[in-house]
Amino acid sequence: MITCYLKYVVDPLKLDDFEHYARLWIPLVNRLGGTHHGYFLPHEGANNIAYALFSFPSLADYERYRREAADDPDCQAAMAHYRKTRCFLSFERSFMRPVFEGD
């Protein structure tokens, strides 16, 4: 399993737009073979940093998701929302391997 870790620099004045963007992507990742662990929006501390975590069985499965998402109308609509609102300024993407109790 691999987990994609996304760190976003968000526009604090557009958190409602970013939350809408996040809510669009959660079911899309799940529908396209991943397991979304949620978005984490600012609450205390920095007001412009948000995170998202989602997992796929393998990096190959993640790459298949990316190809399918590029042609998916719902994914394209989610990206159109981002382009319209510019609710985040940048993001960093990393892949991690989780360790669970009993592994």
PDB file of N, CA and C in Angstrom:
ATOM      1  N   MET A   1       0.846  -1.178   0.000  1.00  0.00           N
ATOM      2  CA  MET A   1       0.000   0.000   0.000  1.00  0.00           C
ATOM      3  C   MET A   1       0.887   1.235   0.000  1.00  0.00           C
ATOM      4  N   ILE A   2       0.451   2.252  -0.734  1.00  0.00           N
ATOM      5  CA  ILE A   2       1.110   3.556  -0.687  1.00  0.00           C
ATOM      6  C   ILE A   2       0.068   4.598  -0.309  1.00  0.00           C
ATOM      7  N   THR A   3       0.518   5.591   0.435  1.00  0.00           N
ATOM      8  CA  THR A   3      -0.358   6.687   0.826  1.00  0.00           C
ATOM      9  C   THR A   3       0.187   7.968   0.235  1.00  0.00           C
ATOM     10  N   CYS A   4      -0.675   8.679  -0.457  1.00  0.00           N
ATOM     11  CA  CYS A   4      -0.323   9.979  -1.021  1.00  0.00           C
ATOM     12  C   CYS A   4      -0.621  11.035   0.035  1.00  0.00           C
ATOM     13  N   TYR A   5       0.395  11.815   0.317  1.00  0.00           N
ATOM     14  CA  TYR A   5       0.316  12.891   1.307  1.00  0.00           C
ATOM     15  C   TYR A   5       0.397  14.197   0.536  1.00  0.00           C
ATOM     16  N   LEU A   6      -0.619  15.017   0.653  1.00  0.00           N
ATOM     17  CA  LEU A   6      -0.642  16.313  -0.021  1.00  0.00           C
ATOM     18  C   LEU A   6      -0.643  17.424   1.017  1.00  0.00           C
ATOM     19  N   LYS A   7       0.250  18.373   0.842  1.00  0.00           N
ATOM     20  CA  LYS A   7       0.282  19.565   1.675  1.00  0.00           C
ATOM     21  C   LYS A   7      -0.076  20.736   0.781  1.00  0.00           C
ATOM     22  N   TYR A   8      -1.134  21.439   1.130  1.00  0.00           N
ATOM     23  CA  TYR A   8      -1.605  22.577   0.348  1.00  0.00           C
ATOM     24  C   TYR A   8      -1.291  23.884   1.064  1.00  0.00           C
ATOM     25  N   VAL A   9      -0.931  24.887   0.293  1.00  0.00           N
ATOM     26  CA  VAL A   9      -0.933  26.262   0.774  1.00  0.00           C
ATOM     27  C   VAL A   9      -2.225  26.850   0.233  1.00  0.00           C
ATOM     28  N   VAL A  10      -3.154  27.127   1.148  1.00  0.00           N
ATOM     29  CA  VAL A  10      -4.483  27.582   0.758  1.00  0.00           C
ATOM     30  C   VAL A  10      -4.602  29.082   0.951  1.00  0.00           C
ATOM     31  N   ASP A  11      -5.554  29.662   0.261  1.00  0.00           N
ATOM     32  CA  ASP A  11      -5.895  31.070   0.477  1.00  0.00           C
ATOM     33  C   ASP A  11      -6.853  31.111   1.665  1.00  0.00           C
ATOM     34  N   PRO A  12      -6.441  31.692   2.798  1.00  0.00           N
ATOM     35  CA  PRO A  12      -7.311  31.678   3.974  1.00  0.00           C
ATOM     36  C   PRO A  12      -8.651  32.377   3.758  1.00  0.00           C
ATOM     37  N   LEU A  13      -8.728  33.239   2.768  1.00  0.00           N
ATOM     38  CA  LEU A  13      -9.989  33.917   2.468  1.00  0.00           C
ATOM     39  C   LEU A  13     -10.909  33.054   1.601  1.00  0.00           C
ATOM     40  N   LYS A  14     -10.391  31.907   1.153  1.00  0.00           N
ATOM     41  CA  LYS A  14     -11.169  31.024   0.281  1.00  0.00           C
ATOM     42  C   LYS A  14     -11.300  29.617   0.860  1.00  0.00           C
ATOM     43  N   LEU A  15     -11.312  29.521   2.189  1.00  0.00           N
ATOM     44  CA  LEU A  15     -11.408  28.199   2.814  1.00  0.00           C
ATOM     45  C   LEU A  15     -12.713  27.491   2.470  1.00  0.00           C
ATOM     46  N   ASP A  16     -13.809  28.226   2.334  1.00  0.00           N
ATOM     47  CA  ASP A  16     -15.068  27.591   1.947  1.00  0.00           C
ATOM     48  C   ASP A  16     -14.953  26.979   0.552  1.00  0.00           C
ATOM     49  N   ASP A  17     -14.285  27.682  -0.363  1.00  0.00           N
ATOM     50  CA  ASP A  17     -14.069  27.145  -1.708  1.00  0.00           C
ATOM     51  C   ASP A  17     -13.168  25.910  -1.660  1.00  0.00           C
ATOM     52  N   PHE A  18     -12.140  25.951  -0.812  1.00  0.00           N
ATOM     53  CA  PHE A  18     -11.247  24.802  -0.699  1.00  0.00           C
ATOM     54  C   PHE A  18     -11.990  23.614  -0.089  1.00  0.00           C
ATOM     55  N   GLU A  19     -12.813  23.851   0.908  1.00  0.00           N
ATOM     56  CA  GLU A  19     -13.574  22.756   1.509  1.00  0.00           C
ATOM     57  C   GLU A  19     -14.510  22.128   0.474  1.00  0.00           C
ATOM     58  N   HIS A  20     -15.122  22.946  -0.364  1.00  0.00           N
ATOM     59  CA  HIS A  20     -15.973  22.408  -1.435  1.00  0.00           C
ATOM     60  C   HIS A  20     -15.138  21.537  -2.382  1.00  0.00           C
ATOM     61  N   TYR A  21     -13.963  22.035  -2.767  1.00  0.00           N
ATOM     62  CA  TYR A  21     -13.033  21.277  -3.616  1.00  0.00           C
ATOM     63  C   TYR A  21     -12.713  19.932  -2.962  1.00  0.00           C
ATOM     64  N   ALA A  22     -12.390  19.948  -1.667  1.00  0.00           N
ATOM     65  CA  ALA A  22     -12.055  18.730  -0.942  1.00  0.00           C
ATOM     66  C   ALA A  22     -13.219  17.745  -0.968  1.00  0.00           C
ATOM     67  N   ARG A  23     -14.430  18.246  -0.716  1.00  0.00           N
ATOM     68  CA  ARG A  23     -15.599  17.368  -0.688  1.00  0.00           C
ATOM     69  C   ARG A  23     -15.892  16.770  -2.059  1.00  0.00           C
ATOM     70  N   LEU A  24     -15.493  17.458  -3.128  1.00  0.00           N
ATOM     71  CA  LEU A  24     -15.645  16.892  -4.469  1.00  0.00           C
ATOM     72  C   LEU A  24     -14.704  15.708  -4.679  1.00  0.00           C
ATOM     73  N   TRP A  25     -13.466  15.823  -4.202  1.00  0.00           N
ATOM     74  CA  TRP A  25     -12.452  14.814  -4.489  1.00  0.00           C
ATOM     75  C   TRP A  25     -12.572  13.539  -3.659  1.00  0.00           C
ATOM     76  N   ILE A  26     -13.078  13.625  -2.441  1.00  0.00           N
ATOM     77  CA  ILE A  26     -13.116  12.431  -1.589  1.00  0.00           C
ATOM     78  C   ILE A  26     -13.858  11.271  -2.267  1.00  0.00           C
ATOM     79  N   PRO A  27     -15.094  11.450  -2.736  1.00  0.00           N
ATOM     80  CA  PRO A  27     -15.765  10.314  -3.378  1.00  0.00           C
ATOM     81  C   PRO A  27     -15.141   9.931  -4.720  1.00  0.00           C
ATOM     82  N   LEU A  28     -14.497  10.870  -5.395  1.00  0.00           N
ATOM     83  CA  LEU A  28     -13.871  10.546  -6.675  1.00  0.00           C
ATOM     84  C   LEU A  28     -12.692   9.606  -6.477  1.00  0.00           C
ATOM     85  N   VAL A  29     -11.851   9.887  -5.510  1.00  0.00           N
ATOM     86  CA  VAL A  29     -10.720   8.994  -5.215  1.00  0.00           C
ATOM     87  C   VAL A  29     -11.245   7.616  -4.839  1.00  0.00           C
ATOM     88  N   ASN A  30     -12.265   7.580  -3.995  1.00  0.00           N
ATOM     89  CA  ASN A  30     -12.828   6.288  -3.585  1.00  0.00           C
ATOM     90  C   ASN A  30     -13.419   5.532  -4.766  1.00  0.00           C
ATOM     91  N   ARG A  31     -14.125   6.228  -5.634  1.00  0.00           N
ATOM     92  CA  ARG A  31     -14.741   5.583  -6.807  1.00  0.00           C
ATOM     93  C   ARG A  31     -13.694   5.045  -7.771  1.00  0.00           C
ATOM     94  N   LEU A  32     -12.551   5.714  -7.844  1.00  0.00           N
ATOM     95  CA  LEU A  32     -11.518   5.325  -8.807  1.00  0.00           C
ATOM     96  C   LEU A  32     -10.465   4.407  -8.193  1.00  0.00           C
ATOM     97  N   GLY A  33     -10.791   3.740  -7.097  1.00  0.00           N
ATOM     98  CA  GLY A  33      -9.937   2.671  -6.587  1.00  0.00           C
ATOM     99  C   GLY A  33      -9.091   2.982  -5.373  1.00  0.00           C
ATOM    100  N   GLY A  34      -9.165   4.196  -4.879  1.00  0.00           N
ATOM    101  CA  GLY A  34      -8.381   4.546  -3.704  1.00  0.00           C
ATOM    102  C   GLY A  34      -9.217   4.529  -2.442  1.00  0.00           C
ATOM    103  N   THR A  35      -8.563   4.813  -1.340  1.00  0.00           N
ATOM    104  CA  THR A  35      -9.226   5.001  -0.058  1.00  0.00           C
ATOM    105  C   THR A  35      -8.831   6.376   0.445  1.00  0.00           C
ATOM    106  N   HIS A  36      -9.784   7.287   0.481  1.00  0.00           N
ATOM    107  CA  HIS A  36      -9.488   8.650   0.938  1.00  0.00           C
ATOM    108  C   HIS A  36      -9.593   8.702   2.451  1.00  0.00           C
ATOM    109  N   HIS A  37      -8.587   9.277   3.091  1.00  0.00           N
ATOM    110  CA  HIS A  37      -8.556   9.389   4.551  1.00  0.00           C
ATOM    111  C   HIS A  37      -8.960  10.780   5.016  1.00  0.00           C
ATOM    112  N   GLY A  38      -9.332  11.645   4.089  1.00  0.00           N
ATOM    113  CA  GLY A  38      -9.841  12.953   4.441  1.00  0.00           C
ATOM    114  C   GLY A  38      -8.897  14.096   4.134  1.00  0.00           C
ATOM    115  N   TYR A  39      -9.478  15.267   4.181  1.00  0.00           N
ATOM    116  CA  TYR A  39      -8.751  16.529   4.106  1.00  0.00           C
ATOM    117  C   TYR A  39      -8.715  17.101   5.510  1.00  0.00           C
ATOM    118  N   PHE A  40      -7.662  17.801   5.825  1.00  0.00           N
ATOM    119  CA  PHE A  40      -7.474  18.386   7.141  1.00  0.00           C
ATOM    120  C   PHE A  40      -7.216  19.872   6.944  1.00  0.00           C
ATOM    121  N   LEU A  41      -8.208  20.674   7.337  1.00  0.00           N
ATOM    122  CA  LEU A  41      -8.166  22.122   7.100  1.00  0.00           C
ATOM    123  C   LEU A  41      -7.659  22.858   8.338  1.00  0.00           C
ATOM    124  N   PRO A  42      -7.181  24.082   8.142  1.00  0.00           N
ATOM    125  CA  PRO A  42      -6.662  24.844   9.272  1.00  0.00           C
ATOM    126  C   PRO A  42      -7.718  25.036  10.358  1.00  0.00           C
ATOM    127  N   HIS A  43      -7.239  24.949  11.584  1.00  0.00           N
ATOM    128  CA  HIS A  43      -8.126  25.203  12.723  1.00  0.00           C
ATOM    129  C   HIS A  43      -7.402  26.057  13.764  1.00  0.00           C
ATOM    130  N   GLU A  44      -6.312  25.557  14.298  1.00  0.00           N
ATOM    131  CA  GLU A  44      -5.440  26.308  15.196  1.00  0.00           C
ATOM    132  C   GLU A  44      -4.071  26.359  14.537  1.00  0.00           C
ATOM    133  N   GLY A  45      -3.342  27.408  14.777  1.00  0.00           N
ATOM    134  CA  GLY A  45      -2.016  27.522  14.165  1.00  0.00           C
ATOM    135  C   GLY A  45      -2.110  28.217  12.818  1.00  0.00           C
ATOM    136  N   ALA A  46      -1.273  27.777  11.903  1.00  0.00           N
ATOM    137  CA  ALA A  46      -1.228  28.396  10.569  1.00  0.00           C
ATOM    138  C   ALA A  46      -2.605  28.350   9.913  1.00  0.00           C
ATOM    139  N   ASN A  47      -3.019  29.463   9.310  1.00  0.00           N
ATOM    140  CA  ASN A  47      -4.352  29.525   8.697  1.00  0.00           C
ATOM    141  C   ASN A  47      -4.314  29.274   7.194  1.00  0.00           C
ATOM    142  N   ASN A  48      -3.160  28.880   6.672  1.00  0.00           N
ATOM    143  CA  ASN A  48      -3.044  28.709   5.222  1.00  0.00           C
ATOM    144  C   ASN A  48      -2.473  27.346   4.810  1.00  0.00           C
ATOM    145  N   ILE A  49      -2.478  26.376   5.703  1.00  0.00           N
ATOM    146  CA  ILE A  49      -1.954  25.048   5.398  1.00  0.00           C
ATOM    147  C   ILE A  49      -3.060  24.021   5.587  1.00  0.00           C
ATOM    148  N   ALA A  50      -3.225  23.158   4.588  1.00  0.00           N
ATOM    149  CA  ALA A  50      -4.187  22.054   4.657  1.00  0.00           C
ATOM    150  C   ALA A  50      -3.493  20.793   4.157  1.00  0.00           C
ATOM    151  N   TYR A  51      -4.026  19.656   4.553  1.00  0.00           N
ATOM    152  CA  TYR A  51      -3.456  18.371   4.165  1.00  0.00           C
ATOM    153  C   TYR A  51      -4.549  17.456   3.643  1.00  0.00           C
ATOM    154  N   ALA A  52      -4.130  16.483   2.842  1.00  0.00           N
ATOM    155  CA  ALA A  52      -5.019  15.405   2.410  1.00  0.00           C
ATOM    156  C   ALA A  52      -4.201  14.128   2.389  1.00  0.00           C
ATOM    157  N   LEU A  53      -4.857  13.025   2.698  1.00  0.00           N
ATOM    158  CA  LEU A  53      -4.227  11.704   2.666  1.00  0.00           C
ATOM    159  C   LEU A  53      -5.165  10.731   1.976  1.00  0.00           C
ATOM    160  N   PHE A  54      -4.617   9.971   1.033  1.00  0.00           N
ATOM    161  CA  PHE A  54      -5.387   8.887   0.439  1.00  0.00           C
ATOM    162  C   PHE A  54      -4.436   7.789   0.024  1.00  0.00           C
ATOM    163  N   SER A  55      -4.947   6.566   0.010  1.00  0.00           N
ATOM    164  CA  SER A  55      -4.109   5.389  -0.246  1.00  0.00           C
ATOM    165  C   SER A  55      -4.598   4.605  -1.450  1.00  0.00           C
ATOM    166  N   PHE A  56      -3.643   3.901  -2.059  1.00  0.00           N
ATOM    167  CA  PHE A  56      -3.903   2.953  -3.138  1.00  0.00           C
ATOM    168  C   PHE A  56      -3.129   1.682  -2.837  1.00  0.00           C
ATOM    169  N   PRO A  57      -3.593   0.554  -3.335  1.00  0.00           N
ATOM    170  CA  PRO A  57      -2.872  -0.689  -3.075  1.00  0.00           C
ATOM    171  C   PRO A  57      -1.414  -0.658  -3.553  1.00  0.00           C
ATOM    172  N   SER A  58      -1.141   0.089  -4.638  1.00  0.00           N
ATOM    173  CA  SER A  58       0.221   0.156  -5.173  1.00  0.00           C
ATOM    174  C   SER A  58       0.397   1.463  -5.945  1.00  0.00           C
ATOM    175  N   LEU A  59       1.629   1.779  -6.254  1.00  0.00           N
ATOM    176  CA  LEU A  59       1.904   2.952  -7.070  1.00  0.00           C
ATOM    177  C   LEU A  59       1.306   2.783  -8.468  1.00  0.00           C
ATOM    178  N   ALA A  60       1.310   1.571  -8.987  1.00  0.00           N
ATOM    179  CA  ALA A  60       0.695   1.310 -10.294  1.00  0.00           C
ATOM    180  C   ALA A  60      -0.805   1.626 -10.255  1.00  0.00           C
ATOM    181  N   ASP A  61      -1.469   1.288  -9.156  1.00  0.00           N
ATOM    182  CA  ASP A  61      -2.897   1.607  -9.021  1.00  0.00           C
ATOM    183  C   ASP A  61      -3.105   3.118  -8.953  1.00  0.00           C
ATOM    184  N   TYR A  62      -2.218   3.817  -8.273  1.00  0.00           N
ATOM    185  CA  TYR A  62      -2.304   5.282  -8.231  1.00  0.00           C
ATOM    186  C   TYR A  62      -2.128   5.865  -9.634  1.00  0.00           C
ATOM    187  N   GLU A  63      -1.163   5.356 -10.385  1.00  0.00           N
ATOM    188  CA  GLU A  63      -0.939   5.854 -11.745  1.00  0.00           C
ATOM    189  C   GLU A  63      -2.141   5.583 -12.638  1.00  0.00           C
ATOM    190  N   ARG A  64      -2.803   4.446 -12.448  1.00  0.00           N
ATOM    191  CA  ARG A  64      -4.023   4.135 -13.211  1.00  0.00           C
ATOM    192  C   ARG A  64      -5.120   5.141 -12.831  1.00  0.00           C
ATOM    193  N   TYR A  65      -5.253   5.435 -11.539  1.00  0.00           N
ATOM    194  CA  TYR A  65      -6.204   6.454 -11.075  1.00  0.00           C
ATOM    195  C   TYR A  65      -5.951   7.790 -11.765  1.00  0.00           C
ATOM    196  N   ARG A  66      -4.695   8.199 -11.850  1.00  0.00           N
ATOM    197  CA  ARG A  66      -4.370   9.482 -12.490  1.00  0.00           C
ATOM    198  C   ARG A  66      -4.798   9.495 -13.962  1.00  0.00           C
ATOM    199  N   ARG A  67      -4.565   8.400 -14.665  1.00  0.00           N
ATOM    200  CA  ARG A  67      -4.978   8.317 -16.077  1.00  0.00           C
ATOM    201  C   ARG A  67      -6.496   8.376 -16.198  1.00  0.00           C
ATOM    202  N   GLU A  68      -7.190   7.625 -15.362  1.00  0.00           N
ATOM    203  CA  GLU A  68      -8.650   7.611 -15.428  1.00  0.00           C
ATOM    204  C   GLU A  68      -9.231   8.955 -15.009  1.00  0.00           C
ATOM    205  N   ALA A  69      -8.641   9.588 -14.005  1.00  0.00           N
ATOM    206  CA  ALA A  69      -9.136  10.879 -13.525  1.00  0.00           C
ATOM    207  C   ALA A  69      -9.022  11.952 -14.607  1.00  0.00           C
ATOM    208  N   ALA A  70      -7.993  11.865 -15.419  1.00  0.00           N
ATOM    209  CA  ALA A  70      -7.785  12.869 -16.466  1.00  0.00           C
ATOM    210  C   ALA A  70      -8.946  12.901 -17.454  1.00  0.00           C
ATOM    211  N   ASP A  71      -9.617  11.762 -17.645  1.00  0.00           N
ATOM    212  CA  ASP A  71     -10.723  11.674 -18.608  1.00  0.00           C
ATOM    213  C   ASP A  71     -12.098  11.653 -17.951  1.00  0.00           C
ATOM    214  N   ASP A  72     -12.144  11.657 -16.628  1.00  0.00           N
ATOM    215  CA  ASP A  72     -13.411  11.540 -15.912  1.00  0.00           C
ATOM    216  C   ASP A  72     -14.105  12.905 -15.830  1.00  0.00           C
ATOM    217  N   PRO A  73     -15.367  13.004 -16.270  1.00  0.00           N
ATOM    218  CA  PRO A  73     -16.066  14.297 -16.241  1.00  0.00           C
ATOM    219  C   PRO A  73     -16.196  14.901 -14.845  1.00  0.00           C
ATOM    220  N   ASP A  74     -16.392  14.061 -13.814  1.00  0.00           N
ATOM    221  CA  ASP A  74     -16.518  14.584 -12.460  1.00  0.00           C
ATOM    222  C   ASP A  74     -15.176  15.132 -11.949  1.00  0.00           C
ATOM    223  N   CYS A  75     -14.100  14.470 -12.296  1.00  0.00           N
ATOM    224  CA  CYS A  75     -12.765  14.967 -11.923  1.00  0.00           C
ATOM    225  C   CYS A  75     -12.468  16.275 -12.658  1.00  0.00           C
ATOM    226  N   GLN A  76     -12.847  16.337 -13.916  1.00  0.00           N
ATOM    227  CA  GLN A  76     -12.660  17.574 -14.671  1.00  0.00           C
ATOM    228  C   GLN A  76     -13.465  18.716 -14.065  1.00  0.00           C
ATOM    229  N   ALA A  77     -14.663  18.422 -13.566  1.00  0.00           N
ATOM    230  CA  ALA A  77     -15.481  19.454 -12.912  1.00  0.00           C
ATOM    231  C   ALA A  77     -14.826  19.930 -11.616  1.00  0.00           C
ATOM    232  N   ALA A  78     -14.232  19.009 -10.866  1.00  0.00           N
ATOM    233  CA  ALA A  78     -13.531  19.397  -9.636  1.00  0.00           C
ATOM    234  C   ALA A  78     -12.354  20.308  -9.956  1.00  0.00           C
ATOM    235  N   MET A  79     -11.624  19.994 -11.009  1.00  0.00           N
ATOM    236  CA  MET A  79     -10.501  20.849 -11.407  1.00  0.00           C
ATOM    237  C   MET A  79     -10.991  22.195 -11.927  1.00  0.00           C
ATOM    238  N   ALA A  80     -12.143  22.209 -12.583  1.00  0.00           N
ATOM    239  CA  ALA A  80     -12.712  23.482 -13.047  1.00  0.00           C
ATOM    240  C   ALA A  80     -13.060  24.364 -11.850  1.00  0.00           C
ATOM    241  N   HIS A  81     -13.542  23.765 -10.765  1.00  0.00           N
ATOM    242  CA  HIS A  81     -13.827  24.530  -9.548  1.00  0.00           C
ATOM    243  C   HIS A  81     -12.533  25.168  -9.028  1.00  0.00           C
ATOM    244  N   TYR A  82     -11.448  24.397  -9.015  1.00  0.00           N
ATOM    245  CA  TYR A  82     -10.164  24.969  -8.582  1.00  0.00           C
ATOM    246  C   TYR A  82      -9.747  26.131  -9.499  1.00  0.00           C
ATOM    247  N   ARG A  83      -9.814  25.916 -10.801  1.00  0.00           N
ATOM    248  CA  ARG A  83      -9.378  26.969 -11.734  1.00  0.00           C
ATOM    249  C   ARG A  83     -10.226  28.230 -11.579  1.00  0.00           C
ATOM    250  N   LYS A  84     -11.499  28.071 -11.290  1.00  0.00           N
ATOM    251  CA  LYS A  84     -12.397  29.216 -11.111  1.00  0.00           C
ATOM    252  C   LYS A  84     -12.102  29.958  -9.808  1.00  0.00           C
ATOM    253  N   THR A  85     -11.845  29.218  -8.726  1.00  0.00           N
ATOM    254  CA  THR A  85     -11.712  29.842  -7.402  1.00  0.00           C
ATOM    255  C   THR A  85     -10.270  30.118  -6.988  1.00  0.00           C
ATOM    256  N   ARG A  86      -9.317  29.355  -7.534  1.00  0.00           N
ATOM    257  CA  ARG A  86      -7.912  29.467  -7.094  1.00  0.00           C
ATOM    258  C   ARG A  86      -7.829  29.390  -5.568  1.00  0.00           C
ATOM    259  N   CYS A  87      -8.509  28.384  -5.006  1.00  0.00           N
ATOM    260  CA  CYS A  87      -8.627  28.259  -3.555  1.00  0.00           C
ATOM    261  C   CYS A  87      -7.351  27.775  -2.878  1.00  0.00           C
ATOM    262  N   PHE A  88      -6.401  27.275  -3.649  1.00  0.00           N
ATOM    263  CA  PHE A  88      -5.088  26.993  -3.080  1.00  0.00           C
ATOM    264  C   PHE A  88      -4.026  27.564  -3.999  1.00  0.00           C
ATOM    265  N   LEU A  89      -2.897  27.901  -3.384  1.00  0.00           N
ATOM    266  CA  LEU A  89      -1.820  28.571  -4.113  1.00  0.00           C
ATOM    267  C   LEU A  89      -0.786  27.592  -4.639  1.00  0.00           C
ATOM    268  N   SER A  90      -0.555  26.519  -3.888  1.00  0.00           N
ATOM    269  CA  SER A  90       0.406  25.502  -4.303  1.00  0.00           C
ATOM    270  C   SER A  90       0.161  24.236  -3.495  1.00  0.00           C
ATOM    271  N   PHE A  91       0.809  23.148  -3.924  1.00  0.00           N
ATOM    272  CA  PHE A  91       0.739  21.904  -3.158  1.00  0.00           C
ATOM    273  C   PHE A  91       2.022  21.122  -3.357  1.00  0.00           C
ATOM    274  N   GLU A  92       2.300  20.260  -2.388  1.00  0.00           N
ATOM    275  CA  GLU A  92       3.412  19.316  -2.447  1.00  0.00           C
ATOM    276  C   GLU A  92       2.815  17.920  -2.354  1.00  0.00           C
ATOM    277  N   ARG A  93       3.319  16.997  -3.164  1.00  0.00           N
ATOM    278  CA  ARG A  93       2.820  15.621  -3.154  1.00  0.00           C
ATOM    279  C   ARG A  93       3.983  14.697  -2.799  1.00  0.00           C
ATOM    280  N   SER A  94       3.747  13.834  -1.810  1.00  0.00           N
ATOM    281  CA  SER A  94       4.727  12.815  -1.422  1.00  0.00           C
ATOM    282  C   SER A  94       4.005  11.484  -1.284  1.00  0.00           C
ATOM    283  N   PHE A  95       4.747  10.408  -1.431  1.00  0.00           N
ATOM    284  CA  PHE A  95       4.189   9.066  -1.257  1.00  0.00           C
ATOM    285  C   PHE A  95       4.885   8.404  -0.082  1.00  0.00           C
ATOM    286  N   MET A  96       4.073   7.790   0.753  1.00  0.00           N
ATOM    287  CA  MET A  96       4.597   7.171   1.964  1.00  0.00           C
ATOM    288  C   MET A  96       4.048   5.761   2.090  1.00  0.00           C
ATOM    289  N   ARG A  97       4.742   4.964   2.859  1.00  0.00           N
ATOM    290  CA  ARG A  97       4.332   3.591   3.150  1.00  0.00           C
ATOM    291  C   ARG A  97       3.899   3.552   4.609  1.00  0.00           C
ATOM    292  N   PRO A  98       2.622   3.247   4.858  1.00  0.00           N
ATOM    293  CA  PRO A  98       2.164   3.256   6.248  1.00  0.00           C
ATOM    294  C   PRO A  98       2.655   2.037   7.026  1.00  0.00           C
ATOM    295  N   VAL A  99       2.765   2.204   8.316  1.00  0.00           N
ATOM    296  CA  VAL A  99       3.055   1.122   9.252  1.00  0.00           C
ATOM    297  C   VAL A  99       1.914   1.087  10.251  1.00  0.00           C
ATOM    298  N   PHE A 100       1.303  -0.065  10.415  1.00  0.00           N
ATOM    299  CA  PHE A 100       0.175  -0.222  11.314  1.00  0.00           C
ATOM    300  C   PHE A 100       0.534  -1.175  12.444  1.00  0.00           C
ATOM    301  N   GLU A 101      -0.190  -1.073  13.519  1.00  0.00           N
ATOM    302  CA  GLU A 101       0.004  -2.001  14.633  1.00  0.00           C
ATOM    303  C   GLU A 101      -0.164  -3.432  14.128  1.00  0.00           C
ATOM    304  N   GLY A 102       0.741  -4.300  14.506  1.00  0.00           N
ATOM    305  CA  GLY A 102       0.650  -5.687  14.103  1.00  0.00           C
ATOM    306  C   GLY A 102       1.294  -6.000  12.761  1.00  0.00           C
ATOM    307  N   ASP A 103       1.813  -5.005  12.055  1.00  0.00           N
ATOM    308  CA  ASP A 103       2.493  -5.271  10.765  1.00  0.00           C
ATOM    309  C   ASP A 103       3.817  -5.956  10.996  1.00  0.00           C
TER     310      ASP A 103
END
